[in-house]
Amino acid sequence: MQVLPETYEPPSDENWTTGIFGCAEDPESCRTGLFCPCVLFGRNIEAVREEIPWTQPCVCHAVCVEGGMALAAVTALFSGYIDPQTTVVICEGLFFAWWMCGIYSGLFRQELQKKYHLKNAPCDHCMVHCCLHWCALCQEHREMKNHLSDTEASSSTTMDPPPVQEMNTEERRDASSSSSSSPSSAKSQHNDLEMVPL
């Protein structure tokens, strides 16, 4: 038995229980991820890190992602009224903010992967969130839900005790008569033993 070093990490070779595009497998998380992705993101973070309440990452996601999308929509709507150079600066800022959000949410996906020893699928965790953010949120939620149901099933497994065995009086008489009638056979069985000094 070799003691493993403190820095040892088991290989990340487990497959995800659902695919990145399997959003329809869990309609509840799919609806939440589509209409309130900030809430789903907050719940995912709270499940990975219990010390962080779900409201903090939810507000952060709402400001960065949903706020950025609203700003992009307003910029596109009033593009004729805004100076073109200002529009370019706003778009660059939004693009940068999107990638920063992808990296931030990708770090939590990485924690989830380490927790359950999952592979990078379909690619690096940050790239998944940058390109398929909503699908990644739903996949992470389904993964935690599936692992939670597995642990609940294993912890709730009960074993029934063996049935009580009873011996009636006739069996007791038969057993006692057979034991009393066969002392010679028991003696002959023990005669074959040899004592060997150590």
C-alpha atoms as a PDB file:
ATOM      1  CA  MET A   1       0.000   0.000   0.000  1.00  0.00           C
ATOM      2  CA  GLN A   2       1.587   3.225  -1.180  1.00  0.00           C
ATOM      3  CA  VAL A   3       0.604   6.534   0.376  1.00  0.00           C
ATOM      4  CA  LEU A   4      -0.585   8.992  -2.277  1.00  0.00           C
ATOM      5  CA  PRO A   5       0.878  12.503  -2.241  1.00  0.00           C
ATOM      6  CA  GLU A   6      -1.345  15.391  -1.170  1.00  0.00           C
ATOM      7  CA  THR A   7      -1.261  16.867  -4.673  1.00  0.00           C
ATOM      8  CA  TYR A   8      -2.604  13.650  -6.261  1.00  0.00           C
ATOM      9  CA  GLU A   9      -5.792  14.057  -8.252  1.00  0.00           C
ATOM     10  CA  PRO A  10      -7.677  11.072  -9.684  1.00  0.00           C
ATOM     11  CA  PRO A  11      -7.860  11.044 -13.482  1.00  0.00           C
ATOM     12  CA  SER A  12     -10.752  12.929 -15.046  1.00  0.00           C
ATOM     13  CA  ASP A  13     -12.018  10.115 -17.245  1.00  0.00           C
ATOM     14  CA  GLU A  14     -15.698   9.847 -16.342  1.00  0.00           C
ATOM     15  CA  ASN A  15     -18.271  10.678 -19.009  1.00  0.00           C
ATOM     16  CA  TRP A  16     -21.015  13.229 -18.388  1.00  0.00           C
ATOM     17  CA  THR A  17     -24.351  11.551 -17.700  1.00  0.00           C
ATOM     18  CA  THR A  18     -26.025  13.747 -20.347  1.00  0.00           C
ATOM     19  CA  GLY A  19     -24.765  15.499 -23.456  1.00  0.00           C
ATOM     20  CA  ILE A  20     -24.315  19.231 -23.924  1.00  0.00           C
ATOM     21  CA  PHE A  21     -27.414  19.405 -26.150  1.00  0.00           C
ATOM     22  CA  GLY A  22     -29.589  17.216 -23.903  1.00  0.00           C
ATOM     23  CA  CYS A  23     -31.543  20.172 -22.501  1.00  0.00           C
ATOM     24  CA  ALA A  24     -34.904  18.542 -23.287  1.00  0.00           C
ATOM     25  CA  GLU A  25     -34.089  15.654 -20.914  1.00  0.00           C
ATOM     26  CA  ASP A  26     -34.909  17.932 -17.962  1.00  0.00           C
ATOM     27  CA  PRO A  27     -37.660  20.387 -19.009  1.00  0.00           C
ATOM     28  CA  GLU A  28     -37.595  22.251 -15.671  1.00  0.00           C
ATOM     29  CA  SER A  29     -33.908  23.209 -15.859  1.00  0.00           C
ATOM     30  CA  CYS A  30     -34.334  23.906 -19.589  1.00  0.00           C
ATOM     31  CA  ARG A  31     -37.092  26.455 -18.912  1.00  0.00           C
ATOM     32  CA  THR A  32     -35.148  28.036 -16.063  1.00  0.00           C
ATOM     33  CA  GLY A  33     -31.977  28.191 -18.162  1.00  0.00           C
ATOM     34  CA  LEU A  34     -33.823  29.770 -21.077  1.00  0.00           C
ATOM     35  CA  PHE A  35     -35.866  32.405 -19.236  1.00  0.00           C
ATOM     36  CA  CYS A  36     -33.840  32.907 -15.999  1.00  0.00           C
ATOM     37  CA  PRO A  37     -30.276  31.694 -16.628  1.00  0.00           C
ATOM     38  CA  CYS A  38     -29.017  33.796 -13.726  1.00  0.00           C
ATOM     39  CA  VAL A  39     -31.164  31.759 -11.291  1.00  0.00           C
ATOM     40  CA  LEU A  40     -29.914  28.452 -12.716  1.00  0.00           C
ATOM     41  CA  PHE A  41     -26.331  29.684 -12.544  1.00  0.00           C
ATOM     42  CA  GLY A  42     -26.806  30.706  -8.897  1.00  0.00           C
ATOM     43  CA  ARG A  43     -28.265  27.305  -7.994  1.00  0.00           C
ATOM     44  CA  ASN A  44     -25.394  25.515  -9.716  1.00  0.00           C
ATOM     45  CA  ILE A  45     -22.805  27.565  -7.816  1.00  0.00           C
ATOM     46  CA  GLU A  46     -24.566  26.958  -4.507  1.00  0.00           C
ATOM     47  CA  ALA A  47     -24.540  23.205  -5.168  1.00  0.00           C
ATOM     48  CA  VAL A  48     -20.793  23.211  -5.908  1.00  0.00           C
ATOM     49  CA  ARG A  49     -19.838  25.624  -3.112  1.00  0.00           C
ATOM     50  CA  GLU A  50     -22.228  25.458  -0.203  1.00  0.00           C
ATOM     51  CA  GLU A  51     -20.705  28.531   1.497  1.00  0.00           C
ATOM     52  CA  ILE A  52     -21.853  30.789  -1.377  1.00  0.00           C
ATOM     53  CA  PRO A  53     -25.589  31.615  -1.339  1.00  0.00           C
ATOM     54  CA  TRP A  54     -27.231  31.350  -4.752  1.00  0.00           C
ATOM     55  CA  THR A  55     -28.260  35.021  -4.780  1.00  0.00           C
ATOM     56  CA  GLN A  56     -24.711  36.391  -5.139  1.00  0.00           C
ATOM     57  CA  PRO A  57     -23.762  34.584  -8.367  1.00  0.00           C
ATOM     58  CA  CYS A  58     -27.329  35.125  -9.618  1.00  0.00           C
ATOM     59  CA  VAL A  59     -26.986  38.919  -9.324  1.00  0.00           C
ATOM     60  CA  CYS A  60     -23.480  38.824 -10.825  1.00  0.00           C
ATOM     61  CA  HIS A  61     -24.757  36.813 -13.808  1.00  0.00           C
ATOM     62  CA  ALA A  62     -27.762  39.105 -14.245  1.00  0.00           C
ATOM     63  CA  VAL A  63     -25.585  42.225 -14.322  1.00  0.00           C
ATOM     64  CA  CYS A  64     -22.895  40.804 -16.617  1.00  0.00           C
ATOM     65  CA  VAL A  65     -24.848  38.634 -19.050  1.00  0.00           C
ATOM     66  CA  GLU A  66     -28.432  39.836 -19.068  1.00  0.00           C
ATOM     67  CA  GLY A  67     -27.343  43.445 -18.546  1.00  0.00           C
ATOM     68  CA  GLY A  68     -24.828  43.118 -21.354  1.00  0.00           C
ATOM     69  CA  MET A  69     -27.470  41.689 -23.673  1.00  0.00           C
ATOM     70  CA  ALA A  70     -29.850  44.544 -22.823  1.00  0.00           C
ATOM     71  CA  LEU A  71     -27.083  47.088 -23.494  1.00  0.00           C
ATOM     72  CA  ALA A  72     -26.297  45.402 -26.815  1.00  0.00           C
ATOM     73  CA  ALA A  73     -29.979  45.523 -27.799  1.00  0.00           C
ATOM     74  CA  VAL A  74     -30.237  49.218 -26.892  1.00  0.00           C
ATOM     75  CA  THR A  75     -27.029  49.959 -28.816  1.00  0.00           C
ATOM     76  CA  ALA A  76     -28.348  48.166 -31.897  1.00  0.00           C
ATOM     77  CA  LEU A  77     -31.741  49.869 -31.570  1.00  0.00           C
ATOM     78  CA  PHE A  78     -30.280  53.365 -31.355  1.00  0.00           C
ATOM     79  CA  SER A  79     -27.337  52.787 -33.689  1.00  0.00           C
ATOM     80  CA  GLY A  80     -28.401  55.704 -35.893  1.00  0.00           C
ATOM     81  CA  TYR A  81     -28.430  58.078 -32.935  1.00  0.00           C
ATOM     82  CA  ILE A  82     -25.127  56.968 -31.362  1.00  0.00           C
ATOM     83  CA  ASP A  83     -21.752  57.957 -32.741  1.00  0.00           C
ATOM     84  CA  PRO A  84     -20.256  54.983 -34.704  1.00  0.00           C
ATOM     85  CA  GLN A  85     -17.023  55.132 -32.701  1.00  0.00           C
ATOM     86  CA  THR A  86     -19.006  54.915 -29.464  1.00  0.00           C
ATOM     87  CA  THR A  87     -20.928  51.937 -30.846  1.00  0.00           C
ATOM     88  CA  VAL A  88     -17.637  50.166 -31.636  1.00  0.00           C
ATOM     89  CA  VAL A  89     -16.332  50.822 -28.115  1.00  0.00           C
ATOM     90  CA  ILE A  90     -19.563  49.513 -26.565  1.00  0.00           C
ATOM     91  CA  CYS A  91     -19.461  46.376 -28.728  1.00  0.00           C
ATOM     92  CA  GLU A  92     -15.814  45.723 -27.860  1.00  0.00           C
ATOM     93  CA  GLY A  93     -16.594  46.159 -24.168  1.00  0.00           C
ATOM     94  CA  LEU A  94     -19.521  43.758 -24.416  1.00  0.00           C
ATOM     95  CA  PHE A  95     -17.413  41.222 -26.288  1.00  0.00           C
ATOM     96  CA  PHE A  96     -14.724  41.425 -23.605  1.00  0.00           C
ATOM     97  CA  ALA A  97     -17.325  41.139 -20.817  1.00  0.00           C
ATOM     98  CA  TRP A  98     -18.822  38.048 -22.495  1.00  0.00           C
ATOM     99  CA  TRP A  99     -15.441  36.302 -22.561  1.00  0.00           C
ATOM    100  CA  MET A 100     -14.769  37.275 -18.941  1.00  0.00           C
ATOM    101  CA  CYS A 101     -18.165  35.820 -17.965  1.00  0.00           C
ATOM    102  CA  GLY A 102     -17.302  32.655 -19.899  1.00  0.00           C
ATOM    103  CA  ILE A 103     -14.043  32.309 -17.983  1.00  0.00           C
ATOM    104  CA  TYR A 104     -15.752  33.000 -14.639  1.00  0.00           C
ATOM    105  CA  SER A 105     -18.525  30.471 -15.194  1.00  0.00           C
ATOM    106  CA  GLY A 106     -16.025  28.048 -16.748  1.00  0.00           C
ATOM    107  CA  LEU A 107     -14.042  27.983 -13.504  1.00  0.00           C
ATOM    108  CA  PHE A 108     -17.095  26.671 -11.667  1.00  0.00           C
ATOM    109  CA  ARG A 109     -17.612  24.089 -14.403  1.00  0.00           C
ATOM    110  CA  GLN A 110     -14.013  23.015 -13.784  1.00  0.00           C
ATOM    111  CA  GLU A 111     -14.780  22.585 -10.064  1.00  0.00           C
ATOM    112  CA  LEU A 112     -17.757  20.421 -10.963  1.00  0.00           C
ATOM    113  CA  GLN A 113     -15.557  18.330 -13.257  1.00  0.00           C
ATOM    114  CA  LYS A 114     -13.001  17.825 -10.479  1.00  0.00           C
ATOM    115  CA  LYS A 115     -15.714  16.905  -7.992  1.00  0.00           C
ATOM    116  CA  TYR A 116     -17.109  14.117 -10.195  1.00  0.00           C
ATOM    117  CA  HIS A 117     -13.889  13.356 -12.200  1.00  0.00           C
ATOM    118  CA  LEU A 118     -15.517  14.337 -15.499  1.00  0.00           C
ATOM    119  CA  LYS A 119     -13.854  14.788 -18.860  1.00  0.00           C
ATOM    120  CA  ASN A 120     -13.595  18.074 -20.720  1.00  0.00           C
ATOM    121  CA  ALA A 121     -16.579  17.672 -23.025  1.00  0.00           C
ATOM    122  CA  PRO A 122     -17.113  18.737 -25.733  1.00  0.00           C
ATOM    123  CA  CYS A 123     -14.037  20.982 -25.208  1.00  0.00           C
ATOM    124  CA  ASP A 124     -12.349  23.128 -22.556  1.00  0.00           C
ATOM    125  CA  HIS A 125     -14.665  24.341 -19.770  1.00  0.00           C
ATOM    126  CA  CYS A 126     -14.201  28.057 -20.534  1.00  0.00           C
ATOM    127  CA  MET A 127     -14.745  27.557 -24.262  1.00  0.00           C
ATOM    128  CA  VAL A 128     -17.946  25.630 -23.549  1.00  0.00           C
ATOM    129  CA  HIS A 129     -19.334  28.562 -21.567  1.00  0.00           C
ATOM    130  CA  CYS A 130     -18.171  31.156 -24.082  1.00  0.00           C
ATOM    131  CA  CYS A 131     -19.793  29.359 -27.026  1.00  0.00           C
ATOM    132  CA  LEU A 132     -22.664  27.348 -25.483  1.00  0.00           C
ATOM    133  CA  HIS A 133     -23.359  29.146 -22.216  1.00  0.00           C
ATOM    134  CA  TRP A 134     -27.047  28.262 -21.752  1.00  0.00           C
ATOM    135  CA  CYS A 135     -26.570  24.631 -22.801  1.00  0.00           C
ATOM    136  CA  ALA A 136     -23.614  24.332 -20.397  1.00  0.00           C
ATOM    137  CA  LEU A 137     -25.663  25.694 -17.477  1.00  0.00           C
ATOM    138  CA  CYS A 138     -28.421  23.153 -18.127  1.00  0.00           C
ATOM    139  CA  GLN A 139     -25.930  20.284 -18.519  1.00  0.00           C
ATOM    140  CA  GLU A 140     -24.208  21.145 -15.237  1.00  0.00           C
ATOM    141  CA  HIS A 141     -27.546  21.291 -13.426  1.00  0.00           C
ATOM    142  CA  ARG A 142     -28.586  17.890 -14.828  1.00  0.00           C
ATOM    143  CA  GLU A 143     -25.206  16.401 -13.865  1.00  0.00           C
ATOM    144  CA  MET A 144     -25.498  17.514 -10.253  1.00  0.00           C
ATOM    145  CA  LYS A 145     -29.107  16.351 -10.139  1.00  0.00           C
ATOM    146  CA  ASN A 146     -28.142  12.902 -11.459  1.00  0.00           C
ATOM    147  CA  HIS A 147     -25.258  12.529  -9.000  1.00  0.00           C
ATOM    148  CA  LEU A 148     -27.470  13.686  -6.154  1.00  0.00           C
ATOM    149  CA  SER A 149     -30.102  11.086  -7.027  1.00  0.00           C
ATOM    150  CA  ASP A 150     -27.368   8.410  -7.188  1.00  0.00           C
ATOM    151  CA  THR A 151     -26.099   9.256  -3.694  1.00  0.00           C
ATOM    152  CA  GLU A 152     -29.640   9.355  -2.312  1.00  0.00           C
ATOM    153  CA  ALA A 153     -30.360   5.948  -3.820  1.00  0.00           C
ATOM    154  CA  SER A 154     -27.180   4.453  -2.374  1.00  0.00           C
ATOM    155  CA  SER A 155     -27.716   6.012   1.065  1.00  0.00           C
ATOM    156  CA  SER A 156     -31.335   4.857   1.252  1.00  0.00           C
ATOM    157  CA  THR A 157     -30.502   1.230   0.508  1.00  0.00           C
ATOM    158  CA  THR A 158     -31.803  -0.891   3.373  1.00  0.00           C
ATOM    159  CA  MET A 159     -31.058  -4.461   4.204  1.00  0.00           C
ATOM    160  CA  ASP A 160     -33.670  -6.623   5.834  1.00  0.00           C
ATOM    161  CA  PRO A 161     -32.525  -8.882   8.667  1.00  0.00           C
ATOM    162  CA  PRO A 162     -32.636 -12.614   8.002  1.00  0.00           C
ATOM    163  CA  PRO A 163     -35.857 -14.327   8.968  1.00  0.00           C
ATOM    164  CA  VAL A 164     -36.073 -15.691  12.499  1.00  0.00           C
ATOM    165  CA  GLN A 165     -35.405 -19.418  12.584  1.00  0.00           C
ATOM    166  CA  GLU A 166     -37.125 -21.543  15.163  1.00  0.00           C
ATOM    167  CA  MET A 167     -36.750 -25.178  16.060  1.00  0.00           C
ATOM    168  CA  ASN A 168     -39.772 -27.144  17.212  1.00  0.00           C
ATOM    169  CA  THR A 169     -39.628 -29.777  19.973  1.00  0.00           C
ATOM    170  CA  GLU A 170     -39.453 -32.762  17.600  1.00  0.00           C
ATOM    171  CA  GLU A 171     -36.390 -31.350  15.836  1.00  0.00           C
ATOM    172  CA  ARG A 172     -34.769 -30.677  19.217  1.00  0.00           C
ATOM    173  CA  ARG A 173     -35.314 -34.297  20.286  1.00  0.00           C
ATOM    174  CA  ASP A 174     -33.924 -35.575  16.996  1.00  0.00           C
ATOM    175  CA  ALA A 175     -30.889 -33.299  17.280  1.00  0.00           C
ATOM    176  CA  SER A 176     -30.233 -34.270  20.918  1.00  0.00           C
ATOM    177  CA  SER A 177     -30.653 -38.001  20.194  1.00  0.00           C
ATOM    178  CA  SER A 178     -28.299 -37.848  17.230  1.00  0.00           C
ATOM    179  CA  SER A 179     -25.686 -35.995  19.285  1.00  0.00           C
ATOM    180  CA  SER A 180     -25.979 -38.456  22.186  1.00  0.00           C
ATOM    181  CA  SER A 181     -25.894 -41.522  19.926  1.00  0.00           C
ATOM    182  CA  SER A 182     -22.760 -40.525  18.099  1.00  0.00           C
ATOM    183  CA  PRO A 183     -20.034 -39.870  20.706  1.00  0.00           C
ATOM    184  CA  SER A 184     -18.005 -42.761  19.312  1.00  0.00           C
ATOM    185  CA  SER A 185     -18.106 -41.325  15.812  1.00  0.00           C
ATOM    186  CA  ALA A 186     -17.066 -37.915  17.165  1.00  0.00           C
ATOM    187  CA  LYS A 187     -14.270 -39.642  19.112  1.00  0.00           C
ATOM    188  CA  SER A 188     -13.056 -41.402  15.969  1.00  0.00           C
ATOM    189  CA  GLN A 189     -13.015 -38.126  14.110  1.00  0.00           C
ATOM    190  CA  HIS A 190     -10.743 -36.561  16.737  1.00  0.00           C
ATOM    191  CA  ASN A 191      -8.353 -39.493  16.929  1.00  0.00           C
ATOM    192  CA  ASP A 192      -6.697 -38.473  13.657  1.00  0.00           C
ATOM    193  CA  LEU A 193      -5.284 -35.270  15.108  1.00  0.00           C
ATOM    194  CA  GLU A 194      -1.579 -34.941  15.772  1.00  0.00           C
ATOM    195  CA  MET A 195       0.137 -32.461  18.053  1.00  0.00           C
ATOM    196  CA  VAL A 196       3.191 -30.859  16.494  1.00  0.00           C
ATOM    197  CA  PRO A 197       5.469 -28.791  18.731  1.00  0.00           C
ATOM    198  CA  LEU A 198       6.241 -25.262  17.539  1.00  0.00           C
END
